[in-house]
Amino acid sequence: MKCYVSKYSGFCFGVTSAVHAANENLKTPLFNKTLYMYGEIINNPVVISGLQDKGVRLIHDIDDVEQPLNSKVLIRAHGVPEHTIDSLKRKGTEVIDKTCPKVKFVHKMVRKAAEQDYDVMLVGDSKHPEIIGTIGWSKTRITLIANLAHAKQIMPDYVPSSAVTYMVAQTTYNSKRYEEIVRYCSSVVPSIKHHYTICNVTSDRQTEMRELAKHADCLLIVGGKASANSTELFKIASEYCKKTQHVESEADIDISMIDGVSTLVICSGASTPDSSIDACVEVLKTACLQNGVDFELNNLKTNQKMHAFANVQKIV
């Protein structure tokens, strides 16, 4: 069986920065300060559990900070409302803001719209922490759009209250679907000024997923079930291949899915560590060898190639 690991697998730079900050602060003497993370800093249970085991405390409300003057609070990569950061600082708490730069750009866009008294249309999942955080950076009228069907439901009655309406999207939104929404909404309200705020890492992964899925018998998406970009990759993969599975770790893999498979592709969300991907590869390789099936790995990210045979293994 041939196994391909996608080129864009593993952490994105925003996630890398957040996790690195957590680990570095754990290494540095805290001088009796408690290290908190406001919400899960990334949507990956394996990583979050690891940080909690090291002593990072998870909170969802600023009132959960027991001793504000003797605490550090790490802001999640998805960002939080502006008032959350302001409130923490007023309490004297040290804030380590690791909001992803791409998300910060969206925050700046909605603030800019407010300064110009422009309406804002925000495309994304209303329950996602990134959207909740983005709303908290705007002081103007915001219209939430979940998808194209939702847009067609609300746009006929939409009456702009400003000369221009800004349109931005959740950074992990499906790029093709956002383009469809932009086209439709612009046809109804020509004054819409849309901005392509989807992270290039997200769009690159989605584009690669569509291409790799065309040549795979089986697809494995590795990432947190709460991860928007992992979930979106799963949806895209499922459009091309019925044998698609979304797992959070190697323990979740249904080995029966590789029966009769000649080509398997592994992709991951932006909050999935390389260690989780490597662990999945190892489980698949072991299963193949135990069943007398040769295993060939092609890691498109590292360019590593490995052939494992039923009776002997050789690194190429």
C-alpha atoms as a PDB file:
ATOM      1  CA  MET A   1       0.000   0.000   0.000  1.00  0.00           C
ATOM      2  CA  LYS A   2       1.244   3.458  -0.888  1.00  0.00           C
ATOM      3  CA  CYS A   3       0.803   6.088   1.822  1.00  0.00           C
ATOM      4  CA  TYR A   4       1.188   9.781   1.075  1.00  0.00           C
ATOM      5  CA  VAL A   5       1.507  12.475   3.765  1.00  0.00           C
ATOM      6  CA  SER A   6       0.375  15.848   2.455  1.00  0.00           C
ATOM      7  CA  LYS A   7       2.858  18.653   1.869  1.00  0.00           C
ATOM      8  CA  TYR A   8       0.922  21.069   4.074  1.00  0.00           C
ATOM      9  CA  SER A   9       0.439  18.772   7.066  1.00  0.00           C
ATOM     10  CA  GLY A  10       1.404  19.774  10.600  1.00  0.00           C
ATOM     11  CA  PHE A  11       1.236  23.045  12.517  1.00  0.00           C
ATOM     12  CA  CYS A  12       0.718  26.365  10.756  1.00  0.00           C
ATOM     13  CA  PHE A  13       2.857  29.311  11.895  1.00  0.00           C
ATOM     14  CA  GLY A  14       0.116  30.782  14.111  1.00  0.00           C
ATOM     15  CA  VAL A  15      -0.348  27.513  15.989  1.00  0.00           C
ATOM     16  CA  THR A  16       3.409  27.000  16.230  1.00  0.00           C
ATOM     17  CA  SER A  17       3.753  30.424  17.815  1.00  0.00           C
ATOM     18  CA  ALA A  18       1.006  29.786  20.395  1.00  0.00           C
ATOM     19  CA  VAL A  19       2.297  26.357  21.433  1.00  0.00           C
ATOM     20  CA  HIS A  20       5.887  27.624  21.537  1.00  0.00           C
ATOM     21  CA  ALA A  21       4.840  30.507  23.813  1.00  0.00           C
ATOM     22  CA  ALA A  22       3.132  28.085  26.195  1.00  0.00           C
ATOM     23  CA  ASN A  23       6.152  25.797  26.391  1.00  0.00           C
ATOM     24  CA  GLU A  24       8.639  28.661  26.717  1.00  0.00           C
ATOM     25  CA  ASN A  25       6.674  30.198  29.564  1.00  0.00           C
ATOM     26  CA  LEU A  26       6.657  26.840  31.293  1.00  0.00           C
ATOM     27  CA  LYS A  27      10.451  26.654  30.959  1.00  0.00           C
ATOM     28  CA  THR A  28      10.959  30.173  32.309  1.00  0.00           C
ATOM     29  CA  PRO A  29      10.601  30.580  36.097  1.00  0.00           C
ATOM     30  CA  LEU A  30       7.104  31.942  36.715  1.00  0.00           C
ATOM     31  CA  PHE A  31       8.086  33.449  40.095  1.00  0.00           C
ATOM     32  CA  ASN A  32       4.972  32.025  41.755  1.00  0.00           C
ATOM     33  CA  LYS A  33       2.771  33.080  38.844  1.00  0.00           C
ATOM     34  CA  THR A  34       0.154  30.686  37.501  1.00  0.00           C
ATOM     35  CA  LEU A  35       0.032  30.176  33.720  1.00  0.00           C
ATOM     36  CA  TYR A  36      -3.451  30.058  32.231  1.00  0.00           C
ATOM     37  CA  MET A  37      -4.731  29.654  28.688  1.00  0.00           C
ATOM     38  CA  TYR A  38      -7.929  31.516  27.871  1.00  0.00           C
ATOM     39  CA  GLY A  39      -9.835  28.839  26.013  1.00  0.00           C
ATOM     40  CA  GLU A  40      -7.944  26.030  24.319  1.00  0.00           C
ATOM     41  CA  ILE A  41      -5.077  27.874  22.627  1.00  0.00           C
ATOM     42  CA  ILE A  42      -5.499  25.554  19.627  1.00  0.00           C
ATOM     43  CA  ASN A  43      -8.196  23.032  18.694  1.00  0.00           C
ATOM     44  CA  ASN A  44      -6.268  19.851  19.339  1.00  0.00           C
ATOM     45  CA  PRO A  45      -7.053  17.699  22.406  1.00  0.00           C
ATOM     46  CA  VAL A  46      -3.693  15.895  22.287  1.00  0.00           C
ATOM     47  CA  VAL A  47      -1.739  19.163  22.535  1.00  0.00           C
ATOM     48  CA  ILE A  48      -4.073  20.722  25.115  1.00  0.00           C
ATOM     49  CA  SER A  49      -3.928  17.648  27.335  1.00  0.00           C
ATOM     50  CA  GLY A  50      -0.134  17.727  27.133  1.00  0.00           C
ATOM     51  CA  LEU A  51       0.006  21.384  28.213  1.00  0.00           C
ATOM     52  CA  GLN A  52      -2.399  20.769  31.084  1.00  0.00           C
ATOM     53  CA  ASP A  53      -0.229  17.874  32.252  1.00  0.00           C
ATOM     54  CA  LYS A  54       2.686  20.322  32.359  1.00  0.00           C
ATOM     55  CA  GLY A  55       0.743  22.728  34.553  1.00  0.00           C
ATOM     56  CA  VAL A  56      -1.096  25.122  32.231  1.00  0.00           C
ATOM     57  CA  ARG A  57      -4.593  25.828  33.552  1.00  0.00           C
ATOM     58  CA  LEU A  58      -7.533  26.115  31.166  1.00  0.00           C
ATOM     59  CA  ILE A  59     -10.128  28.854  31.753  1.00  0.00           C
ATOM     60  CA  HIS A  60     -13.099  30.219  29.810  1.00  0.00           C
ATOM     61  CA  ASP A  61     -13.852  33.288  31.911  1.00  0.00           C
ATOM     62  CA  ILE A  62     -11.567  36.007  33.296  1.00  0.00           C
ATOM     63  CA  ASP A  63     -13.161  35.496  36.722  1.00  0.00           C
ATOM     64  CA  ASP A  64     -11.539  32.050  36.773  1.00  0.00           C
ATOM     65  CA  VAL A  65      -8.135  33.717  37.226  1.00  0.00           C
ATOM     66  CA  GLU A  66      -7.725  33.195  40.955  1.00  0.00           C
ATOM     67  CA  GLN A  67      -4.925  35.687  41.610  1.00  0.00           C
ATOM     68  CA  PRO A  68      -4.853  38.229  38.773  1.00  0.00           C
ATOM     69  CA  LEU A  69      -1.661  39.956  39.951  1.00  0.00           C
ATOM     70  CA  ASN A  70       0.190  36.650  40.159  1.00  0.00           C
ATOM     71  CA  SER A  71      -0.974  35.174  36.860  1.00  0.00           C
ATOM     72  CA  LYS A  72      -0.136  35.031  33.191  1.00  0.00           C
ATOM     73  CA  VAL A  73      -2.907  34.457  30.659  1.00  0.00           C
ATOM     74  CA  LEU A  74      -2.131  33.077  27.220  1.00  0.00           C
ATOM     75  CA  ILE A  75      -4.639  34.241  24.591  1.00  0.00           C
ATOM     76  CA  ARG A  76      -5.677  31.508  22.181  1.00  0.00           C
ATOM     77  CA  ALA A  77      -4.646  31.547  18.497  1.00  0.00           C
ATOM     78  CA  HIS A  78      -8.295  32.127  17.523  1.00  0.00           C
ATOM     79  CA  GLY A  79      -8.302  35.438  19.397  1.00  0.00           C
ATOM     80  CA  VAL A  80     -10.769  36.856  21.913  1.00  0.00           C
ATOM     81  CA  PRO A  81     -12.979  39.974  22.070  1.00  0.00           C
ATOM     82  CA  GLU A  82     -11.118  43.219  22.720  1.00  0.00           C
ATOM     83  CA  HIS A  83     -12.881  43.757  26.050  1.00  0.00           C
ATOM     84  CA  THR A  84     -11.515  40.427  27.340  1.00  0.00           C
ATOM     85  CA  ILE A  85      -7.917  41.574  26.911  1.00  0.00           C
ATOM     86  CA  ASP A  86      -8.714  45.012  28.341  1.00  0.00           C
ATOM     87  CA  SER A  87     -10.399  43.478  31.392  1.00  0.00           C
ATOM     88  CA  LEU A  88      -7.451  41.185  32.103  1.00  0.00           C
ATOM     89  CA  LYS A  89      -5.004  44.084  31.894  1.00  0.00           C
ATOM     90  CA  ARG A  90      -7.128  46.223  34.192  1.00  0.00           C
ATOM     91  CA  LYS A  91      -6.927  43.431  36.766  1.00  0.00           C
ATOM     92  CA  GLY A  92      -3.135  43.608  36.552  1.00  0.00           C
ATOM     93  CA  THR A  93      -2.799  40.234  34.836  1.00  0.00           C
ATOM     94  CA  GLU A  94       0.075  39.698  32.427  1.00  0.00           C
ATOM     95  CA  VAL A  95      -1.388  38.980  28.994  1.00  0.00           C
ATOM     96  CA  ILE A  96       0.477  36.905  26.417  1.00  0.00           C
ATOM     97  CA  ASP A  97      -1.458  37.587  23.238  1.00  0.00           C
ATOM     98  CA  LYS A  98      -0.858  34.765  20.748  1.00  0.00           C
ATOM     99  CA  THR A  99      -3.766  35.584  18.466  1.00  0.00           C
ATOM    100  CA  CYS A 100      -2.817  34.388  14.982  1.00  0.00           C
ATOM    101  CA  PRO A 101      -1.590  37.321  12.821  1.00  0.00           C
ATOM    102  CA  LYS A 102      -4.112  36.356  10.150  1.00  0.00           C
ATOM    103  CA  VAL A 103      -6.937  36.640  12.686  1.00  0.00           C
ATOM    104  CA  LYS A 104      -5.537  39.934  13.971  1.00  0.00           C
ATOM    105  CA  PHE A 105      -5.772  41.269  10.413  1.00  0.00           C
ATOM    106  CA  VAL A 106      -9.512  40.509  10.398  1.00  0.00           C
ATOM    107  CA  HIS A 107      -9.834  42.302  13.742  1.00  0.00           C
ATOM    108  CA  LYS A 108      -8.188  45.353  12.203  1.00  0.00           C
ATOM    109  CA  MET A 109     -10.546  45.204   9.233  1.00  0.00           C
ATOM    110  CA  VAL A 110     -13.690  45.268  11.360  1.00  0.00           C
ATOM    111  CA  ARG A 111     -12.259  48.070  13.513  1.00  0.00           C
ATOM    112  CA  LYS A 112     -11.444  50.041  10.376  1.00  0.00           C
ATOM    113  CA  ALA A 113     -15.014  49.546   9.168  1.00  0.00           C
ATOM    114  CA  ALA A 114     -16.319  50.850  12.499  1.00  0.00           C
ATOM    115  CA  GLU A 115     -14.095  53.938  12.281  1.00  0.00           C
ATOM    116  CA  GLN A 116     -15.642  54.694   8.894  1.00  0.00           C
ATOM    117  CA  ASP A 117     -19.183  53.851  10.087  1.00  0.00           C
ATOM    118  CA  TYR A 118     -19.404  50.999   7.576  1.00  0.00           C
ATOM    119  CA  ASP A 119     -21.535  47.899   8.035  1.00  0.00           C
ATOM    120  CA  VAL A 120     -19.769  44.539   8.227  1.00  0.00           C
ATOM    121  CA  MET A 121     -20.743  41.138   6.855  1.00  0.00           C
ATOM    122  CA  LEU A 122     -18.901  38.326   8.596  1.00  0.00           C
ATOM    123  CA  VAL A 123     -18.882  34.880   6.959  1.00  0.00           C
ATOM    124  CA  GLY A 124     -18.301  31.905   9.212  1.00  0.00           C
ATOM    125  CA  ASP A 125     -19.540  29.724  12.049  1.00  0.00           C
ATOM    126  CA  SER A 126     -21.230  31.898  14.690  1.00  0.00           C
ATOM    127  CA  LYS A 127     -20.243  29.430  17.431  1.00  0.00           C
ATOM    128  CA  HIS A 128     -16.562  29.306  16.510  1.00  0.00           C
ATOM    129  CA  PRO A 129     -14.238  31.160  18.937  1.00  0.00           C
ATOM    130  CA  GLU A 130     -12.635  33.088  16.070  1.00  0.00           C
ATOM    131  CA  ILE A 131     -15.982  34.544  15.007  1.00  0.00           C
ATOM    132  CA  ILE A 132     -16.948  35.320  18.596  1.00  0.00           C
ATOM    133  CA  GLY A 133     -13.632  37.081  19.062  1.00  0.00           C
ATOM    134  CA  THR A 134     -13.911  39.027  15.805  1.00  0.00           C
ATOM    135  CA  ILE A 135     -17.376  40.308  16.685  1.00  0.00           C
ATOM    136  CA  GLY A 136     -15.850  41.627  19.888  1.00  0.00           C
ATOM    137  CA  TRP A 137     -13.531  43.918  17.940  1.00  0.00           C
ATOM    138  CA  SER A 138     -16.307  45.709  16.084  1.00  0.00           C
ATOM    139  CA  LYS A 139     -18.445  48.593  17.227  1.00  0.00           C
ATOM    140  CA  THR A 140     -20.620  48.740  14.152  1.00  0.00           C
ATOM    141  CA  ARG A 141     -23.458  46.727  12.630  1.00  0.00           C
ATOM    142  CA  ILE A 142     -22.413  43.139  11.895  1.00  0.00           C
ATOM    143  CA  THR A 143     -24.395  40.657   9.811  1.00  0.00           C
ATOM    144  CA  LEU A 144     -23.371  37.009  10.214  1.00  0.00           C
ATOM    145  CA  ILE A 145     -23.552  34.671   7.215  1.00  0.00           C
ATOM    146  CA  ALA A 146     -23.097  30.950   7.769  1.00  0.00           C
ATOM    147  CA  ASN A 147     -23.209  29.717   4.162  1.00  0.00           C
ATOM    148  CA  LEU A 148     -24.658  30.412   0.723  1.00  0.00           C
ATOM    149  CA  ALA A 149     -28.117  29.106   1.653  1.00  0.00           C
ATOM    150  CA  HIS A 150     -28.165  31.427   4.646  1.00  0.00           C
ATOM    151  CA  ALA A 151     -27.057  34.341   2.468  1.00  0.00           C
ATOM    152  CA  LYS A 152     -29.910  33.685   0.028  1.00  0.00           C
ATOM    153  CA  GLN A 153     -32.297  33.634   2.968  1.00  0.00           C
ATOM    154  CA  ILE A 154     -31.303  36.975   4.504  1.00  0.00           C
ATOM    155  CA  MET A 155     -29.921  39.088   1.646  1.00  0.00           C
ATOM    156  CA  PRO A 156     -33.217  39.909  -0.122  1.00  0.00           C
ATOM    157  CA  ASP A 157     -34.290  41.822   3.009  1.00  0.00           C
ATOM    158  CA  TYR A 158     -30.881  43.330   3.747  1.00  0.00           C
ATOM    159  CA  VAL A 159     -30.841  47.127   3.697  1.00  0.00           C
ATOM    160  CA  PRO A 160     -27.383  48.697   4.097  1.00  0.00           C
ATOM    161  CA  SER A 161     -27.110  51.424   6.710  1.00  0.00           C
ATOM    162  CA  SER A 162     -23.861  52.761   5.263  1.00  0.00           C
ATOM    163  CA  ALA A 163     -22.463  53.685   1.857  1.00  0.00           C
ATOM    164  CA  VAL A 164     -20.108  50.698   1.920  1.00  0.00           C
ATOM    165  CA  THR A 165     -20.415  47.259   3.507  1.00  0.00           C
ATOM    166  CA  TYR A 166     -17.229  45.389   4.370  1.00  0.00           C
ATOM    167  CA  MET A 167     -17.285  41.613   3.908  1.00  0.00           C
ATOM    168  CA  VAL A 168     -14.707  39.415   5.639  1.00  0.00           C
ATOM    169  CA  ALA A 169     -14.518  35.702   6.398  1.00  0.00           C
ATOM    170  CA  GLN A 170     -13.392  33.362   9.131  1.00  0.00           C
ATOM    171  CA  THR A 171      -9.754  32.581   8.293  1.00  0.00           C
ATOM    172  CA  THR A 172     -10.453  28.841   8.103  1.00  0.00           C
ATOM    173  CA  TYR A 173     -13.561  29.073   5.917  1.00  0.00           C
ATOM    174  CA  ASN A 174     -13.901  27.046   2.719  1.00  0.00           C
ATOM    175  CA  SER A 175     -12.308  29.244   0.038  1.00  0.00           C
ATOM    176  CA  LYS A 176     -14.571  28.145  -2.830  1.00  0.00           C
ATOM    177  CA  ARG A 177     -17.728  28.594  -0.776  1.00  0.00           C
ATOM    178  CA  TYR A 178     -16.635  32.061   0.304  1.00  0.00           C
ATOM    179  CA  GLU A 179     -16.187  33.061  -3.341  1.00  0.00           C
ATOM    180  CA  GLU A 180     -19.724  31.827  -4.085  1.00  0.00           C
ATOM    181  CA  ILE A 181     -21.100  33.885  -1.192  1.00  0.00           C
ATOM    182  CA  VAL A 182     -19.196  36.979  -2.328  1.00  0.00           C
ATOM    183  CA  ARG A 183     -20.560  36.675  -5.862  1.00  0.00           C
ATOM    184  CA  TYR A 184     -24.134  36.250  -4.697  1.00  0.00           C
ATOM    185  CA  CYS A 185     -24.114  38.989  -2.052  1.00  0.00           C
ATOM    186  CA  SER A 186     -22.408  41.451  -4.403  1.00  0.00           C
ATOM    187  CA  SER A 187     -25.127  40.845  -6.989  1.00  0.00           C
ATOM    188  CA  VAL A 188     -27.744  41.819  -4.405  1.00  0.00           C
ATOM    189  CA  VAL A 189     -25.820  44.677  -2.766  1.00  0.00           C
ATOM    190  CA  PRO A 190     -23.260  46.168  -5.204  1.00  0.00           C
ATOM    191  CA  SER A 191     -21.783  48.394  -2.472  1.00  0.00           C
ATOM    192  CA  ILE A 192     -20.213  45.385  -0.745  1.00  0.00           C
ATOM    193  CA  LYS A 193     -16.432  45.647  -0.527  1.00  0.00           C
ATOM    194  CA  HIS A 194     -15.171  42.131   0.103  1.00  0.00           C
ATOM    195  CA  HIS A 195     -11.772  41.199   1.507  1.00  0.00           C
ATOM    196  CA  TYR A 196     -10.173  37.791   1.078  1.00  0.00           C
ATOM    197  CA  THR A 197      -9.285  37.040   4.693  1.00  0.00           C
ATOM    198  CA  ILE A 198      -9.017  33.261   4.433  1.00  0.00           C
ATOM    199  CA  CYS A 199      -5.561  32.187   5.550  1.00  0.00           C
ATOM    200  CA  ASN A 200      -3.323  31.066   2.693  1.00  0.00           C
ATOM    201  CA  VAL A 201      -2.354  28.027   4.763  1.00  0.00           C
ATOM    202  CA  THR A 202      -6.028  27.057   4.894  1.00  0.00           C
ATOM    203  CA  SER A 203      -6.612  27.582   1.177  1.00  0.00           C
ATOM    204  CA  ASP A 204      -3.376  25.751   0.268  1.00  0.00           C
ATOM    205  CA  ARG A 205      -4.412  22.728   2.323  1.00  0.00           C
ATOM    206  CA  GLN A 206      -7.872  22.701   0.786  1.00  0.00           C
ATOM    207  CA  THR A 207      -6.462  22.952  -2.744  1.00  0.00           C
ATOM    208  CA  GLU A 208      -3.981  20.154  -2.076  1.00  0.00           C
ATOM    209  CA  MET A 209      -6.740  18.046  -0.508  1.00  0.00           C
ATOM    210  CA  ARG A 210      -8.886  18.316  -3.643  1.00  0.00           C
ATOM    211  CA  GLU A 211      -5.976  17.254  -5.837  1.00  0.00           C
ATOM    212  CA  LEU A 212      -4.720  14.360  -3.692  1.00  0.00           C
ATOM    213  CA  ALA A 213      -8.239  13.064  -3.103  1.00  0.00           C
ATOM    214  CA  LYS A 214      -8.644  12.441  -6.832  1.00  0.00           C
ATOM    215  CA  HIS A 215      -5.940   9.773  -6.696  1.00  0.00           C
ATOM    216  CA  ALA A 216      -6.690   8.110  -3.345  1.00  0.00           C
ATOM    217  CA  ASP A 217      -8.637   4.985  -2.431  1.00  0.00           C
ATOM    218  CA  CYS A 218      -8.712   6.072   1.199  1.00  0.00           C
ATOM    219  CA  LEU A 219      -8.213   9.384   3.045  1.00  0.00           C
ATOM    220  CA  LEU A 220      -7.263   9.994   6.650  1.00  0.00           C
ATOM    221  CA  ILE A 221      -7.721  13.464   8.150  1.00  0.00           C
ATOM    222  CA  VAL A 222      -5.800  13.916  11.399  1.00  0.00           C
ATOM    223  CA  GLY A 223      -6.951  16.740  13.645  1.00  0.00           C
ATOM    224  CA  GLY A 224      -9.195  17.826  16.490  1.00  0.00           C
ATOM    225  CA  LYS A 225     -12.914  17.329  15.965  1.00  0.00           C
ATOM    226  CA  ALA A 226     -13.397  20.942  17.126  1.00  0.00           C
ATOM    227  CA  SER A 227     -10.872  22.194  14.564  1.00  0.00           C
ATOM    228  CA  ALA A 228     -12.648  24.133  11.814  1.00  0.00           C
ATOM    229  CA  ASN A 229      -9.927  23.567   9.218  1.00  0.00           C
ATOM    230  CA  SER A 230      -9.668  19.838   9.999  1.00  0.00           C
ATOM    231  CA  THR A 231     -13.433  19.479   9.731  1.00  0.00           C
ATOM    232  CA  GLU A 232     -13.444  21.387   6.445  1.00  0.00           C
ATOM    233  CA  LEU A 233     -10.737  19.109   5.044  1.00  0.00           C
ATOM    234  CA  PHE A 234     -12.852  16.112   6.039  1.00  0.00           C
ATOM    235  CA  LYS A 235     -15.866  17.565   4.225  1.00  0.00           C
ATOM    236  CA  ILE A 236     -13.825  18.216   1.082  1.00  0.00           C
ATOM    237  CA  ALA A 237     -12.216  14.775   1.187  1.00  0.00           C
ATOM    238  CA  SER A 238     -15.600  13.099   1.620  1.00  0.00           C
ATOM    239  CA  GLU A 239     -16.794  14.710  -1.612  1.00  0.00           C
ATOM    240  CA  TYR A 240     -14.138  12.778  -3.516  1.00  0.00           C
ATOM    241  CA  CYS A 241     -13.691   9.578  -1.539  1.00  0.00           C
ATOM    242  CA  LYS A 242     -16.216   7.522   0.431  1.00  0.00           C
ATOM    243  CA  LYS A 243     -13.436   5.879   2.443  1.00  0.00           C
ATOM    244  CA  THR A 244     -12.576   8.972   4.454  1.00  0.00           C
ATOM    245  CA  GLN A 245     -11.975   9.065   8.188  1.00  0.00           C
ATOM    246  CA  HIS A 246     -11.406  11.977  10.597  1.00  0.00           C
ATOM    247  CA  VAL A 247      -9.333  11.010  13.645  1.00  0.00           C
ATOM    248  CA  GLU A 248      -7.892  12.995  16.528  1.00  0.00           C
ATOM    249  CA  SER A 249      -5.098  10.508  17.190  1.00  0.00           C
ATOM    250  CA  GLU A 250      -3.765   7.156  16.045  1.00  0.00           C
ATOM    251  CA  ALA A 251      -5.990   5.451  18.634  1.00  0.00           C
ATOM    252  CA  ASP A 252      -9.076   6.456  16.628  1.00  0.00           C
ATOM    253  CA  ILE A 253      -8.035   4.808  13.368  1.00  0.00           C
ATOM    254  CA  ASP A 254     -10.381   2.137  12.049  1.00  0.00           C
ATOM    255  CA  ILE A 255      -7.846  -0.269  10.553  1.00  0.00           C
ATOM    256  CA  SER A 256     -10.551  -2.107   8.608  1.00  0.00           C
ATOM    257  CA  MET A 257     -10.774   0.899   6.308  1.00  0.00           C
ATOM    258  CA  ILE A 258      -7.459   0.012   4.625  1.00  0.00           C
ATOM    259  CA  ASP A 259      -8.680  -3.388   3.437  1.00  0.00           C
ATOM    260  CA  GLY A 260      -8.064  -3.594  -0.298  1.00  0.00           C
ATOM    261  CA  VAL A 261      -6.623  -0.063  -0.410  1.00  0.00           C
ATOM    262  CA  SER A 262      -3.676   0.566  -2.722  1.00  0.00           C
ATOM    263  CA  THR A 263      -3.278   4.334  -2.177  1.00  0.00           C
ATOM    264  CA  LEU A 264      -3.945   6.150   1.102  1.00  0.00           C
ATOM    265  CA  VAL A 265      -3.483   9.870   1.737  1.00  0.00           C
ATOM    266  CA  ILE A 266      -2.973  11.470   5.150  1.00  0.00           C
ATOM    267  CA  CYS A 267      -3.790  15.151   5.588  1.00  0.00           C
ATOM    268  CA  SER A 268      -4.011  17.220   8.737  1.00  0.00           C
ATOM    269  CA  GLY A 269      -5.481  20.376  10.143  1.00  0.00           C
ATOM    270  CA  ALA A 270      -3.275  23.337  11.047  1.00  0.00           C
ATOM    271  CA  SER A 271      -3.361  22.448  14.746  1.00  0.00           C
ATOM    272  CA  THR A 272      -2.124  18.867  14.342  1.00  0.00           C
ATOM    273  CA  PRO A 273       1.450  18.191  15.515  1.00  0.00           C
ATOM    274  CA  ASP A 274       3.816  16.178  13.339  1.00  0.00           C
ATOM    275  CA  SER A 275       4.064  13.643  16.158  1.00  0.00           C
ATOM    276  CA  SER A 276       0.363  12.748  15.730  1.00  0.00           C
ATOM    277  CA  ILE A 277       0.831  12.260  11.989  1.00  0.00           C
ATOM    278  CA  ASP A 278       3.937  10.104  12.548  1.00  0.00           C
ATOM    279  CA  ALA A 279       2.011   7.994  15.066  1.00  0.00           C
ATOM    280  CA  CYS A 280      -0.772   7.422  12.523  1.00  0.00           C
ATOM    281  CA  VAL A 281       1.755   6.394   9.886  1.00  0.00           C
ATOM    282  CA  GLU A 282       3.299   3.910  12.318  1.00  0.00           C
ATOM    283  CA  VAL A 283      -0.095   2.321  13.099  1.00  0.00           C
ATOM    284  CA  LEU A 284      -0.903   1.971   9.402  1.00  0.00           C
ATOM    285  CA  LYS A 285       2.523   0.540   8.609  1.00  0.00           C
ATOM    286  CA  THR A 286       2.257  -2.011  11.411  1.00  0.00           C
ATOM    287  CA  ALA A 287      -1.220  -3.073  10.287  1.00  0.00           C
ATOM    288  CA  CYS A 288      -0.026  -3.564   6.717  1.00  0.00           C
ATOM    289  CA  LEU A 289       3.000  -5.640   7.715  1.00  0.00           C
ATOM    290  CA  GLN A 290       0.984  -7.807  10.082  1.00  0.00           C
ATOM    291  CA  ASN A 291      -1.318  -8.627   7.197  1.00  0.00           C
ATOM    292  CA  GLY A 292       1.474  -9.365   4.745  1.00  0.00           C
ATOM    293  CA  VAL A 293       1.023  -6.113   2.816  1.00  0.00           C
ATOM    294  CA  ASP A 294       4.011  -4.054   1.688  1.00  0.00           C
ATOM    295  CA  PHE A 295       3.993  -0.458   2.929  1.00  0.00           C
ATOM    296  CA  GLU A 296       5.466   2.459   0.984  1.00  0.00           C
ATOM    297  CA  LEU A 297       5.612   5.925   2.575  1.00  0.00           C
ATOM    298  CA  ASN A 298       5.945   9.126   0.558  1.00  0.00           C
ATOM    299  CA  ASN A 299       6.051  12.159   2.846  1.00  0.00           C
ATOM    300  CA  LEU A 300       5.467  15.145   0.568  1.00  0.00           C
ATOM    301  CA  LYS A 301       6.345  17.546   3.408  1.00  0.00           C
ATOM    302  CA  THR A 302       9.757  16.120   4.334  1.00  0.00           C
ATOM    303  CA  ASN A 303      10.474  14.273   1.062  1.00  0.00           C
ATOM    304  CA  GLN A 304      11.086  11.151   3.141  1.00  0.00           C
ATOM    305  CA  LYS A 305      10.524   7.853   1.387  1.00  0.00           C
ATOM    306  CA  MET A 306      10.356   4.522   3.155  1.00  0.00           C
ATOM    307  CA  HIS A 307       9.587   1.005   1.993  1.00  0.00           C
ATOM    308  CA  ALA A 308       8.583  -1.605   4.531  1.00  0.00           C
ATOM    309  CA  PHE A 309       8.164  -5.214   3.444  1.00  0.00           C
ATOM    310  CA  ALA A 310       6.521  -8.123   5.221  1.00  0.00           C
ATOM    311  CA  ASN A 311       9.825  -9.669   6.318  1.00  0.00           C
ATOM    312  CA  VAL A 312      12.370  -6.835   6.055  1.00  0.00           C
ATOM    313  CA  GLN A 313      12.352  -3.022   6.252  1.00  0.00           C
ATOM    314  CA  LYS A 314      14.673  -0.764   4.335  1.00  0.00           C
ATOM    315  CA  ILE A 315      14.929   3.049   4.434  1.00  0.00           C
ATOM    316  CA  VAL A 316      15.384   4.474   0.940  1.00  0.00           C
END
